[in-house]
């Protein structure tokens, strides 16, 4: 489910108020349940991770180009690397924000689901719902763990990029390139780990979305 922009505007005031129950209540009045919001947020988190993969790969490419400096204006090279760092930082923040939103709606969904189990008169239907809840929660825990693991891989890359950008900022000369060359392998390894973890997280997200839609 992709939430309509016009409907998002209707519920925006509730989100700004910080009252989650009012926010979700507004959506329910529009026929959108928490599980629908959850699927939508998982899709958004997945997309942000895919975008982040591309951004960090671009930053690595820019850093590699810096190491292979061929006589261009170093200030221009610095500006490009700094731009990639800033874009990577923004992409990482987007990933974290969207994972937080997934966790927020998951907490609300599972809490509601558990409360509603007490309302069943049919023991058979209650047991069936309990089994579905346990299965959904297990798959969610696997997915959110993968998301958080991928998220944790971003910080080492950002830290390394920041260090190198700062160093280059105050050492705009060819000799500075040699000092940074030893950093390349570490950054390559960290970006590779990050991308692999994000691919795993995206795969878990796809599996969760399929399960929620069945």
N, C-alpha and C. Protein backbone atom coordinates (compact mmCIF):
# COMPACT_ATOMS: atom_id res chain seq x y z
N UNK A 1 0.82 -1.19 0.00
CA UNK A 1 0.00 0.00 0.00
C UNK A 1 0.86 1.24 0.00
N UNK A 2 0.62 2.14 -0.94
CA UNK A 2 1.28 3.42 -0.94
C UNK A 2 0.29 4.47 -0.48
N UNK A 3 0.62 5.14 0.58
CA UNK A 3 -0.29 6.11 1.16
C UNK A 3 -0.43 7.30 0.24
N UNK A 4 -1.66 7.70 -0.01
CA UNK A 4 -1.94 8.83 -0.88
C UNK A 4 -1.47 10.12 -0.23
N UNK A 5 -0.88 10.99 -1.05
CA UNK A 5 -0.37 12.25 -0.52
C UNK A 5 -1.47 13.07 0.13
N UNK A 6 -2.65 13.09 -0.49
CA UNK A 6 -3.76 13.87 0.04
C UNK A 6 -4.20 13.35 1.40
N UNK A 7 -4.19 12.03 1.58
CA UNK A 7 -4.59 11.46 2.86
C UNK A 7 -3.52 11.70 3.92
N UNK A 8 -2.27 11.73 3.50
CA UNK A 8 -1.19 12.01 4.45
C UNK A 8 -1.35 13.39 5.05
N UNK A 9 -1.81 14.33 4.24
CA UNK A 9 -2.00 15.69 4.74
C UNK A 9 -3.07 15.73 5.81
N UNK A 10 -4.10 14.88 5.66
CA UNK A 10 -5.18 14.84 6.65
C UNK A 10 -4.66 14.41 8.00
N UNK A 11 -3.76 13.40 7.99
CA UNK A 11 -3.26 12.84 9.25
C UNK A 11 -2.03 13.55 9.79
N UNK A 12 -1.45 14.46 9.01
CA UNK A 12 -0.19 15.10 9.41
C UNK A 12 -0.31 15.83 10.73
N UNK A 13 -1.45 16.47 10.96
CA UNK A 13 -1.62 17.24 12.19
C UNK A 13 -1.54 16.34 13.42
N UNK A 14 -2.04 15.11 13.30
CA UNK A 14 -1.97 14.18 14.43
C UNK A 14 -0.54 13.76 14.69
N UNK A 15 0.22 13.56 13.62
CA UNK A 15 1.62 13.15 13.77
C UNK A 15 2.41 14.26 14.45
N UNK A 16 2.13 15.50 14.06
CA UNK A 16 2.84 16.63 14.64
C UNK A 16 2.52 16.81 16.12
N UNK A 17 1.35 16.37 16.51
CA UNK A 17 0.96 16.53 17.91
C UNK A 17 1.72 15.57 18.81
N UNK A 18 2.33 14.56 18.21
CA UNK A 18 3.09 13.59 18.97
C UNK A 18 2.23 12.52 19.60
N UNK A 19 0.94 12.54 19.34
CA UNK A 19 0.01 11.56 19.90
C UNK A 19 -0.17 10.43 18.90
N UNK A 20 0.52 9.32 19.13
CA UNK A 20 0.46 8.20 18.20
C UNK A 20 -0.92 7.59 18.10
N UNK A 21 -1.61 7.49 19.22
CA UNK A 21 -2.94 6.88 19.19
C UNK A 21 -3.89 7.70 18.32
N UNK A 22 -3.80 9.03 18.41
CA UNK A 22 -4.64 9.88 17.57
C UNK A 22 -4.24 9.76 16.11
N UNK A 23 -2.95 9.62 15.88
CA UNK A 23 -2.44 9.48 14.51
C UNK A 23 -2.98 8.22 13.86
N UNK A 24 -2.83 7.09 14.56
CA UNK A 24 -3.32 5.82 14.00
C UNK A 24 -4.84 5.80 13.94
N UNK A 25 -5.48 6.45 14.91
CA UNK A 25 -6.94 6.52 14.90
C UNK A 25 -7.45 7.27 13.68
N UNK A 26 -6.74 8.32 13.30
CA UNK A 26 -7.14 9.09 12.11
C UNK A 26 -7.07 8.23 10.87
N UNK A 27 -6.01 7.42 10.77
CA UNK A 27 -5.87 6.53 9.61
C UNK A 27 -6.97 5.47 9.60
N UNK A 28 -7.29 4.93 10.77
CA UNK A 28 -8.32 3.89 10.84
C UNK A 28 -9.67 4.42 10.38
N UNK A 29 -9.95 5.68 10.70
CA UNK A 29 -11.20 6.29 10.24
C UNK A 29 -11.24 6.40 8.72
N UNK A 30 -10.06 6.43 8.11
CA UNK A 30 -9.97 6.49 6.65
C UNK A 30 -9.87 5.09 6.04
N UNK A 31 -9.98 4.07 6.89
CA UNK A 31 -9.94 2.69 6.39
C UNK A 31 -8.55 2.11 6.26
N UNK A 32 -7.56 2.76 6.88
CA UNK A 32 -6.17 2.29 6.80
C UNK A 32 -5.78 1.74 8.17
N UNK A 33 -5.52 0.44 8.23
CA UNK A 33 -5.18 -0.20 9.49
C UNK A 33 -3.67 -0.13 9.76
N UNK A 34 -3.29 -0.45 10.98
CA UNK A 34 -1.87 -0.40 11.37
C UNK A 34 -1.02 -1.33 10.52
N UNK A 35 -1.53 -2.49 10.18
CA UNK A 35 -0.74 -3.41 9.36
C UNK A 35 -0.46 -2.81 7.98
N UNK A 36 -1.41 -2.01 7.45
CA UNK A 36 -1.19 -1.34 6.17
C UNK A 36 -0.11 -0.28 6.29
N UNK A 37 -0.17 0.46 7.39
CA UNK A 37 0.85 1.49 7.64
C UNK A 37 2.21 0.83 7.81
N UNK A 38 2.22 -0.31 8.49
CA UNK A 38 3.48 -1.00 8.71
C UNK A 38 4.09 -1.46 7.39
N UNK A 39 3.29 -2.06 6.54
CA UNK A 39 3.80 -2.50 5.23
C UNK A 39 4.35 -1.31 4.46
N UNK A 40 3.63 -0.19 4.49
CA UNK A 40 4.07 1.01 3.79
C UNK A 40 5.41 1.51 4.33
N UNK A 41 5.55 1.48 5.65
CA UNK A 41 6.79 1.97 6.26
C UNK A 41 7.96 1.02 6.01
N UNK A 42 7.69 -0.28 5.98
CA UNK A 42 8.75 -1.23 5.66
C UNK A 42 9.22 -1.00 4.22
N UNK A 43 8.28 -0.77 3.32
CA UNK A 43 8.65 -0.48 1.93
C UNK A 43 9.49 0.79 1.85
N UNK A 44 9.12 1.81 2.61
CA UNK A 44 9.89 3.06 2.62
C UNK A 44 11.29 2.84 3.18
N UNK A 45 11.38 2.05 4.25
CA UNK A 45 12.69 1.77 4.85
C UNK A 45 13.56 0.99 3.86
N UNK A 46 12.94 0.06 3.16
CA UNK A 46 13.68 -0.72 2.17
C UNK A 46 14.21 0.19 1.06
N UNK A 47 13.38 1.09 0.59
CA UNK A 47 13.80 2.01 -0.48
C UNK A 47 14.92 2.93 0.00
N UNK A 48 14.85 3.38 1.24
CA UNK A 48 15.89 4.26 1.77
C UNK A 48 17.23 3.52 1.86
N UNK A 49 17.18 2.23 2.17
CA UNK A 49 18.41 1.44 2.23
C UNK A 49 18.99 1.21 0.82
N UNK A 50 18.11 1.02 -0.14
CA UNK A 50 18.58 0.86 -1.52
C UNK A 50 19.24 2.15 -2.00
N UNK A 51 18.62 3.29 -1.66
CA UNK A 51 19.21 4.58 -2.02
C UNK A 51 20.55 4.78 -1.32
N UNK A 52 20.61 4.38 -0.05
CA UNK A 52 21.85 4.55 0.72
C UNK A 52 22.98 3.69 0.14
N UNK A 53 22.63 2.49 -0.32
CA UNK A 53 23.65 1.65 -0.95
C UNK A 53 24.31 2.38 -2.12
N UNK A 54 23.49 2.99 -2.95
CA UNK A 54 24.00 3.71 -4.11
C UNK A 54 24.84 4.91 -3.68
N UNK A 55 24.36 5.61 -2.65
CA UNK A 55 25.08 6.80 -2.19
C UNK A 55 26.44 6.46 -1.61
N UNK A 56 26.51 5.44 -0.79
CA UNK A 56 27.79 5.06 -0.20
C UNK A 56 28.74 4.52 -1.27
N UNK A 57 28.21 3.85 -2.27
CA UNK A 57 29.04 3.38 -3.38
C UNK A 57 29.61 4.57 -4.14
N UNK A 58 28.78 5.61 -4.32
CA UNK A 58 29.24 6.82 -5.00
C UNK A 58 30.34 7.51 -4.19
N UNK A 59 30.17 7.55 -2.87
CA UNK A 59 31.18 8.17 -2.01
C UNK A 59 32.50 7.41 -2.09
N UNK A 60 32.42 6.10 -2.13
CA UNK A 60 33.62 5.28 -2.26
C UNK A 60 34.31 5.55 -3.59
N UNK A 61 33.52 5.68 -4.63
CA UNK A 61 34.08 5.96 -5.95
C UNK A 61 34.80 7.31 -5.97
N UNK A 62 34.19 8.29 -5.29
CA UNK A 62 34.80 9.62 -5.24
C UNK A 62 36.10 9.59 -4.44
N UNK A 63 36.11 8.82 -3.36
CA UNK A 63 37.31 8.72 -2.55
C UNK A 63 38.42 8.00 -3.32
N UNK A 64 38.04 6.97 -4.07
CA UNK A 64 39.01 6.26 -4.91
C UNK A 64 39.60 7.19 -5.95
N UNK A 65 38.76 8.05 -6.52
CA UNK A 65 39.23 9.02 -7.51
C UNK A 65 40.22 10.00 -6.88
N UNK A 66 39.96 10.35 -5.62
CA UNK A 66 40.87 11.25 -4.91
C UNK A 66 42.26 10.61 -4.78
N UNK A 67 42.28 9.33 -4.42
CA UNK A 67 43.57 8.64 -4.24
C UNK A 67 44.33 8.59 -5.57
N UNK A 68 43.58 8.53 -6.66
CA UNK A 68 44.20 8.50 -7.99
C UNK A 68 44.30 9.90 -8.58
N UNK A 69 44.47 10.86 -7.72
CA UNK A 69 44.58 12.27 -8.09
C UNK A 69 45.56 12.45 -9.25
N UNK A 70 45.08 13.16 -10.31
CA UNK A 70 45.90 13.28 -11.52
C UNK A 70 46.28 14.72 -11.86
N UNK A 71 46.21 15.59 -10.85
CA UNK A 71 46.66 16.96 -11.09
C UNK A 71 45.54 17.99 -11.20
N UNK A 72 44.29 17.56 -11.02
CA UNK A 72 43.19 18.53 -11.03
C UNK A 72 43.32 19.45 -9.82
N UNK A 73 42.48 20.45 -9.78
CA UNK A 73 42.49 21.35 -8.64
C UNK A 73 42.06 20.58 -7.39
N UNK A 74 42.91 20.54 -6.39
CA UNK A 74 42.61 19.78 -5.18
C UNK A 74 41.38 20.34 -4.45
N UNK A 75 41.18 21.63 -4.55
CA UNK A 75 40.02 22.21 -3.89
C UNK A 75 38.73 21.67 -4.49
N UNK A 76 38.73 21.47 -5.81
CA UNK A 76 37.56 20.91 -6.47
C UNK A 76 37.33 19.46 -6.02
N UNK A 77 38.43 18.73 -5.89
CA UNK A 77 38.35 17.34 -5.44
C UNK A 77 37.80 17.29 -4.01
N UNK A 78 38.29 18.20 -3.18
CA UNK A 78 37.80 18.27 -1.80
C UNK A 78 36.30 18.57 -1.78
N UNK A 79 35.87 19.53 -2.58
CA UNK A 79 34.45 19.91 -2.63
C UNK A 79 33.58 18.71 -3.04
N UNK A 80 34.06 17.94 -4.00
CA UNK A 80 33.29 16.78 -4.45
C UNK A 80 33.21 15.71 -3.37
N UNK A 81 34.34 15.46 -2.71
CA UNK A 81 34.35 14.46 -1.65
C UNK A 81 33.48 14.91 -0.48
N UNK A 82 33.56 16.17 -0.12
CA UNK A 82 32.75 16.69 0.97
C UNK A 82 31.26 16.59 0.62
N UNK A 83 30.93 16.85 -0.64
CA UNK A 83 29.54 16.74 -1.08
C UNK A 83 29.04 15.30 -0.93
N UNK A 84 29.88 14.35 -1.32
CA UNK A 84 29.50 12.94 -1.19
C UNK A 84 29.34 12.55 0.28
N UNK A 85 30.19 13.09 1.13
CA UNK A 85 30.08 12.81 2.57
C UNK A 85 28.76 13.36 3.12
N UNK A 86 28.44 14.60 2.76
CA UNK A 86 27.20 15.21 3.25
C UNK A 86 25.98 14.44 2.74
N UNK A 87 26.02 14.01 1.49
CA UNK A 87 24.91 13.23 0.93
C UNK A 87 24.79 11.87 1.62
N UNK A 88 25.93 11.27 1.95
CA UNK A 88 25.94 9.98 2.65
C UNK A 88 25.36 10.13 4.05
N UNK A 89 25.74 11.22 4.70
CA UNK A 89 25.24 11.50 6.05
C UNK A 89 23.72 11.66 6.02
N UNK A 90 23.22 12.38 5.01
CA UNK A 90 21.77 12.58 4.89
C UNK A 90 21.06 11.26 4.59
N UNK A 91 21.67 10.43 3.73
CA UNK A 91 21.08 9.14 3.39
C UNK A 91 21.02 8.24 4.63
N UNK A 92 22.07 8.28 5.44
CA UNK A 92 22.10 7.47 6.66
C UNK A 92 21.02 7.92 7.64
N UNK A 93 20.83 9.22 7.76
CA UNK A 93 19.79 9.73 8.65
C UNK A 93 18.41 9.30 8.17
N UNK A 94 18.22 9.30 6.86
CA UNK A 94 16.93 8.87 6.30
C UNK A 94 16.66 7.41 6.62
N UNK A 95 17.70 6.59 6.50
CA UNK A 95 17.56 5.16 6.84
C UNK A 95 17.16 5.00 8.30
N UNK A 96 17.86 5.68 9.19
CA UNK A 96 17.57 5.56 10.62
C UNK A 96 16.16 6.04 10.96
N UNK A 97 15.76 7.16 10.37
CA UNK A 97 14.42 7.70 10.62
C UNK A 97 13.34 6.72 10.20
N UNK A 98 13.55 6.11 9.05
CA UNK A 98 12.52 5.19 8.54
C UNK A 98 12.47 3.88 9.31
N UNK A 99 13.62 3.43 9.79
CA UNK A 99 13.63 2.23 10.63
C UNK A 99 12.91 2.53 11.94
N UNK A 100 13.14 3.70 12.51
CA UNK A 100 12.46 4.10 13.74
C UNK A 100 10.94 4.10 13.54
N UNK A 101 10.50 4.54 12.38
CA UNK A 101 9.06 4.58 12.10
C UNK A 101 8.49 3.18 11.97
N UNK A 102 9.27 2.26 11.40
CA UNK A 102 8.84 0.87 11.32
C UNK A 102 8.66 0.32 12.73
N UNK A 103 9.62 0.57 13.59
CA UNK A 103 9.57 0.05 14.95
C UNK A 103 8.40 0.65 15.72
N UNK A 104 8.13 1.92 15.49
CA UNK A 104 7.03 2.60 16.18
C UNK A 104 5.69 1.97 15.85
N UNK A 105 5.42 1.77 14.57
CA UNK A 105 4.13 1.20 14.19
C UNK A 105 4.05 -0.28 14.56
N UNK A 106 5.18 -0.97 14.56
CA UNK A 106 5.20 -2.39 14.96
C UNK A 106 4.80 -2.52 16.42
N UNK A 107 5.35 -1.66 17.28
CA UNK A 107 5.00 -1.69 18.69
C UNK A 107 3.49 -1.48 18.88
N UNK A 108 2.94 -0.53 18.12
CA UNK A 108 1.50 -0.24 18.23
C UNK A 108 0.66 -1.40 17.71
N UNK A 109 1.09 -1.97 16.60
CA UNK A 109 0.34 -3.09 16.00
C UNK A 109 0.32 -4.30 16.93
N UNK A 110 1.48 -4.70 17.45
CA UNK A 110 1.54 -5.89 18.28
C UNK A 110 0.82 -5.69 19.61
N UNK A 111 0.88 -4.48 20.15
CA UNK A 111 0.16 -4.18 21.38
C UNK A 111 -1.34 -4.30 21.17
N UNK A 112 -1.83 -3.75 20.08
CA UNK A 112 -3.25 -3.83 19.76
C UNK A 112 -3.67 -5.28 19.52
N UNK A 113 -2.85 -6.01 18.79
CA UNK A 113 -3.15 -7.41 18.48
C UNK A 113 -3.28 -8.23 19.76
N UNK A 114 -2.35 -8.04 20.68
CA UNK A 114 -2.41 -8.78 21.95
C UNK A 114 -3.65 -8.42 22.75
N UNK A 115 -3.99 -7.13 22.80
CA UNK A 115 -5.18 -6.70 23.53
C UNK A 115 -6.45 -7.31 22.95
N UNK A 116 -6.50 -7.41 21.63
CA UNK A 116 -7.71 -7.90 20.98
C UNK A 116 -7.89 -9.41 21.12
N UNK A 117 -6.82 -10.12 21.48
CA UNK A 117 -6.95 -11.56 21.70
C UNK A 117 -7.94 -11.86 22.83
N UNK A 118 -8.02 -10.97 23.80
CA UNK A 118 -8.91 -11.18 24.95
C UNK A 118 -10.38 -11.00 24.58
N UNK A 119 -10.65 -10.47 23.40
CA UNK A 119 -12.02 -10.17 23.01
C UNK A 119 -12.70 -11.33 22.28
N UNK A 120 -11.93 -12.36 21.95
CA UNK A 120 -12.50 -13.51 21.24
C UNK A 120 -13.39 -14.34 22.18
N UNK A 121 -14.49 -14.79 21.65
CA UNK A 121 -15.31 -15.77 22.35
C UNK A 121 -14.93 -17.17 21.89
N UNK A 122 -14.55 -17.27 20.61
CA UNK A 122 -14.16 -18.56 20.03
C UNK A 122 -12.71 -18.88 20.40
N UNK A 123 -12.52 -19.99 21.12
CA UNK A 123 -11.16 -20.41 21.48
C UNK A 123 -10.36 -20.79 20.26
N UNK A 124 -11.01 -21.36 19.27
CA UNK A 124 -10.33 -21.78 18.05
C UNK A 124 -9.79 -20.59 17.28
N UNK A 125 -10.61 -19.56 17.13
CA UNK A 125 -10.17 -18.35 16.42
C UNK A 125 -9.09 -17.62 17.21
N UNK A 126 -9.22 -17.63 18.53
CA UNK A 126 -8.21 -16.97 19.36
C UNK A 126 -6.84 -17.66 19.21
N UNK A 127 -6.84 -18.99 19.24
CA UNK A 127 -5.59 -19.73 19.07
C UNK A 127 -4.97 -19.47 17.70
N UNK A 128 -5.83 -19.42 16.69
CA UNK A 128 -5.34 -19.16 15.34
C UNK A 128 -4.71 -17.77 15.24
N UNK A 129 -5.35 -16.79 15.87
CA UNK A 129 -4.83 -15.42 15.86
C UNK A 129 -3.53 -15.35 16.65
N UNK A 130 -3.45 -16.07 17.77
CA UNK A 130 -2.22 -16.10 18.57
C UNK A 130 -1.06 -16.68 17.78
N UNK A 131 -1.33 -17.73 17.03
CA UNK A 131 -0.29 -18.35 16.21
C UNK A 131 0.19 -17.40 15.13
N UNK A 132 -0.77 -16.70 14.53
CA UNK A 132 -0.42 -15.73 13.49
C UNK A 132 0.40 -14.58 14.09
N UNK A 133 0.03 -14.14 15.28
CA UNK A 133 0.76 -13.07 15.96
C UNK A 133 2.20 -13.50 16.23
N UNK A 134 2.37 -14.71 16.76
CA UNK A 134 3.72 -15.20 17.06
C UNK A 134 4.57 -15.30 15.79
N UNK A 135 3.97 -15.81 14.71
CA UNK A 135 4.71 -15.95 13.46
C UNK A 135 5.10 -14.59 12.89
N UNK A 136 4.16 -13.66 12.94
CA UNK A 136 4.42 -12.31 12.42
C UNK A 136 5.50 -11.62 13.25
N UNK A 137 5.41 -11.78 14.57
CA UNK A 137 6.40 -11.14 15.44
C UNK A 137 7.79 -11.73 15.21
N UNK A 138 7.87 -13.06 15.04
CA UNK A 138 9.17 -13.69 14.78
C UNK A 138 9.79 -13.15 13.50
N UNK A 139 8.96 -13.05 12.45
CA UNK A 139 9.49 -12.56 11.18
C UNK A 139 9.87 -11.09 11.29
N UNK A 140 9.07 -10.34 12.04
CA UNK A 140 9.40 -8.92 12.25
C UNK A 140 10.73 -8.78 12.98
N UNK A 141 10.94 -9.57 14.04
CA UNK A 141 12.17 -9.49 14.82
C UNK A 141 13.39 -9.81 13.95
N UNK A 142 13.24 -10.78 13.06
CA UNK A 142 14.33 -11.10 12.14
C UNK A 142 14.62 -9.91 11.23
N UNK A 143 13.55 -9.30 10.73
CA UNK A 143 13.71 -8.17 9.82
C UNK A 143 14.30 -6.95 10.51
N UNK A 144 13.78 -6.59 11.68
CA UNK A 144 14.26 -5.38 12.35
C UNK A 144 15.70 -5.56 12.80
N UNK A 145 16.07 -6.79 13.17
CA UNK A 145 17.45 -7.07 13.54
C UNK A 145 18.37 -6.84 12.34
N UNK A 146 17.94 -7.29 11.16
CA UNK A 146 18.73 -7.08 9.94
C UNK A 146 18.82 -5.60 9.61
N UNK A 147 17.72 -4.87 9.80
CA UNK A 147 17.72 -3.43 9.55
C UNK A 147 18.70 -2.70 10.47
N UNK A 148 18.65 -3.04 11.75
CA UNK A 148 19.52 -2.37 12.72
C UNK A 148 20.98 -2.74 12.49
N UNK A 149 21.22 -3.96 12.08
CA UNK A 149 22.60 -4.36 11.81
C UNK A 149 23.15 -3.57 10.62
N UNK A 150 22.34 -3.43 9.58
CA UNK A 150 22.76 -2.64 8.42
C UNK A 150 22.97 -1.19 8.82
N UNK A 151 22.07 -0.69 9.66
CA UNK A 151 22.19 0.70 10.13
C UNK A 151 23.51 0.91 10.87
N UNK A 152 23.90 -0.06 11.69
CA UNK A 152 25.13 0.08 12.47
C UNK A 152 26.38 0.10 11.60
N UNK A 153 26.28 -0.43 10.38
CA UNK A 153 27.44 -0.46 9.48
C UNK A 153 27.69 0.90 8.83
N UNK A 154 26.73 1.80 8.93
CA UNK A 154 26.91 3.11 8.29
C UNK A 154 27.87 4.00 9.05
N UNK A 155 27.85 3.91 10.38
CA UNK A 155 28.64 4.83 11.20
C UNK A 155 30.14 4.74 10.93
N UNK A 156 30.73 3.52 10.84
CA UNK A 156 32.17 3.46 10.55
C UNK A 156 32.54 4.12 9.23
N UNK A 157 31.67 3.98 8.23
CA UNK A 157 31.94 4.59 6.93
C UNK A 157 31.86 6.11 7.04
N UNK A 158 30.82 6.60 7.70
CA UNK A 158 30.65 8.04 7.86
C UNK A 158 31.81 8.65 8.65
N UNK A 159 32.23 7.94 9.69
CA UNK A 159 33.34 8.43 10.50
C UNK A 159 34.62 8.54 9.68
N UNK A 160 34.89 7.51 8.89
CA UNK A 160 36.10 7.52 8.06
C UNK A 160 36.03 8.62 7.01
N UNK A 161 34.87 8.78 6.39
CA UNK A 161 34.72 9.84 5.38
C UNK A 161 34.90 11.21 6.01
N UNK A 162 34.31 11.40 7.18
CA UNK A 162 34.44 12.68 7.86
C UNK A 162 35.90 12.98 8.19
N UNK A 163 36.61 11.98 8.71
CA UNK A 163 38.02 12.18 9.06
C UNK A 163 38.83 12.59 7.84
N UNK A 164 38.58 11.92 6.72
CA UNK A 164 39.35 12.21 5.52
C UNK A 164 38.99 13.56 4.90
N UNK A 165 37.71 13.91 4.98
CA UNK A 165 37.28 15.22 4.49
C UNK A 165 37.92 16.33 5.33
N UNK A 166 37.92 16.15 6.64
CA UNK A 166 38.52 17.15 7.53
C UNK A 166 40.02 17.28 7.28
N UNK A 167 40.68 16.15 7.10
CA UNK A 167 42.12 16.17 6.86
C UNK A 167 42.43 16.89 5.55
N UNK A 168 41.68 16.55 4.53
CA UNK A 168 41.93 17.17 3.23
C UNK A 168 41.63 18.66 3.24
N UNK A 169 40.63 19.06 4.02
CA UNK A 169 40.24 20.46 4.10
C UNK A 169 41.41 21.35 4.52
N UNK A 170 42.22 20.83 5.44
CA UNK A 170 43.33 21.63 5.98
C UNK A 170 44.69 21.24 5.39
N UNK A 171 44.65 20.36 4.38
CA UNK A 171 45.90 19.94 3.74
C UNK A 171 45.69 19.80 2.24
N UNK A 172 45.34 20.90 1.62
CA UNK A 172 45.06 20.88 0.18
C UNK A 172 46.35 20.89 -0.62
N UNK A 173 47.06 19.78 -0.56
CA UNK A 173 48.27 19.64 -1.35
C UNK A 173 48.44 18.18 -1.74
N UNK A 174 49.27 17.93 -2.72
CA UNK A 174 49.42 16.59 -3.26
C UNK A 174 49.94 15.60 -2.23
N UNK A 175 50.77 16.08 -1.29
CA UNK A 175 51.32 15.17 -0.28
C UNK A 175 50.24 14.61 0.63
N UNK A 176 49.13 15.35 0.76
CA UNK A 176 48.02 14.89 1.60
C UNK A 176 47.40 13.62 1.03
N UNK A 177 47.43 13.47 -0.30
CA UNK A 177 46.84 12.30 -0.94
C UNK A 177 47.54 11.03 -0.47
N UNK A 178 48.86 11.09 -0.37
CA UNK A 178 49.61 9.93 0.08
C UNK A 178 49.23 9.54 1.50
N UNK A 179 48.95 10.53 2.34
CA UNK A 179 48.57 10.26 3.72
C UNK A 179 47.21 9.58 3.80
N UNK A 180 46.35 9.86 2.83
CA UNK A 180 45.01 9.29 2.84
C UNK A 180 44.93 7.92 2.16
N UNK A 181 45.97 7.60 1.39
CA UNK A 181 45.92 6.38 0.58
C UNK A 181 45.71 5.13 1.44
N UNK A 182 46.28 5.11 2.62
CA UNK A 182 46.15 3.95 3.49
C UNK A 182 44.73 3.75 4.01
N UNK A 183 43.92 4.80 3.91
CA UNK A 183 42.54 4.72 4.38
C UNK A 183 41.63 4.01 3.40
N UNK A 184 42.02 3.96 2.14
CA UNK A 184 41.14 3.47 1.09
C UNK A 184 40.70 2.04 1.33
N UNK A 185 41.63 1.16 1.66
CA UNK A 185 41.28 -0.25 1.84
C UNK A 185 40.27 -0.44 2.96
N UNK A 186 40.46 0.29 4.06
CA UNK A 186 39.53 0.19 5.18
C UNK A 186 38.14 0.66 4.79
N UNK A 187 38.08 1.77 4.08
CA UNK A 187 36.79 2.29 3.64
C UNK A 187 36.13 1.33 2.66
N UNK A 188 36.91 0.75 1.75
CA UNK A 188 36.36 -0.23 0.81
C UNK A 188 35.75 -1.41 1.55
N UNK A 189 36.45 -1.90 2.56
CA UNK A 189 35.96 -3.04 3.34
C UNK A 189 34.67 -2.68 4.08
N UNK A 190 34.66 -1.49 4.68
CA UNK A 190 33.48 -1.08 5.44
C UNK A 190 32.27 -0.86 4.53
N UNK A 191 32.49 -0.28 3.36
CA UNK A 191 31.39 -0.07 2.42
C UNK A 191 30.88 -1.41 1.90
N UNK A 192 31.79 -2.34 1.65
CA UNK A 192 31.39 -3.66 1.19
C UNK A 192 30.52 -4.36 2.24
N UNK A 193 30.93 -4.29 3.51
CA UNK A 193 30.14 -4.89 4.58
C UNK A 193 28.77 -4.22 4.68
N UNK A 194 28.78 -2.90 4.58
CA UNK A 194 27.53 -2.14 4.66
C UNK A 194 26.56 -2.56 3.56
N UNK A 195 27.04 -2.61 2.34
CA UNK A 195 26.17 -2.97 1.22
C UNK A 195 25.65 -4.39 1.36
N UNK A 196 26.49 -5.31 1.80
CA UNK A 196 26.05 -6.70 2.00
C UNK A 196 24.97 -6.78 3.07
N UNK A 197 25.16 -6.05 4.18
CA UNK A 197 24.16 -6.07 5.24
C UNK A 197 22.85 -5.43 4.78
N UNK A 198 22.95 -4.38 3.97
CA UNK A 198 21.74 -3.74 3.48
C UNK A 198 21.00 -4.63 2.50
N UNK A 199 21.73 -5.36 1.69
CA UNK A 199 21.08 -6.31 0.78
C UNK A 199 20.34 -7.38 1.57
N UNK A 200 20.95 -7.85 2.65
CA UNK A 200 20.31 -8.85 3.50
C UNK A 200 19.06 -8.27 4.16
N UNK A 201 19.15 -7.01 4.59
CA UNK A 201 18.02 -6.33 5.21
C UNK A 201 16.88 -6.14 4.21
N UNK A 202 17.22 -5.76 3.00
CA UNK A 202 16.20 -5.58 1.95
C UNK A 202 15.50 -6.90 1.66
N UNK A 203 16.26 -7.99 1.63
CA UNK A 203 15.67 -9.31 1.38
C UNK A 203 14.70 -9.69 2.50
N UNK A 204 15.07 -9.41 3.75
CA UNK A 204 14.19 -9.68 4.87
C UNK A 204 12.93 -8.80 4.80
N UNK A 205 13.10 -7.57 4.36
CA UNK A 205 11.96 -6.67 4.21
C UNK A 205 10.99 -7.19 3.16
N UNK A 206 11.52 -7.65 2.04
CA UNK A 206 10.68 -8.21 0.98
C UNK A 206 9.89 -9.42 1.49
N UNK A 207 10.57 -10.28 2.25
CA UNK A 207 9.91 -11.47 2.79
C UNK A 207 8.80 -11.08 3.76
N UNK A 208 9.07 -10.07 4.59
CA UNK A 208 8.08 -9.63 5.56
C UNK A 208 6.87 -9.02 4.86
N UNK A 209 7.12 -8.22 3.85
CA UNK A 209 6.03 -7.59 3.11
C UNK A 209 5.15 -8.65 2.46
N UNK A 210 5.76 -9.66 1.86
CA UNK A 210 4.98 -10.74 1.24
C UNK A 210 4.11 -11.45 2.28
N UNK A 211 4.70 -11.71 3.45
CA UNK A 211 3.96 -12.40 4.49
C UNK A 211 2.79 -11.56 4.99
N UNK A 212 2.98 -10.26 5.12
CA UNK A 212 1.92 -9.37 5.61
C UNK A 212 0.80 -9.22 4.60
N UNK A 213 1.11 -9.38 3.32
CA UNK A 213 0.09 -9.21 2.28
C UNK A 213 -0.68 -10.49 2.02
N UNK A 214 -0.18 -11.62 2.53
CA UNK A 214 -0.87 -12.91 2.32
C UNK A 214 -2.00 -13.09 3.32
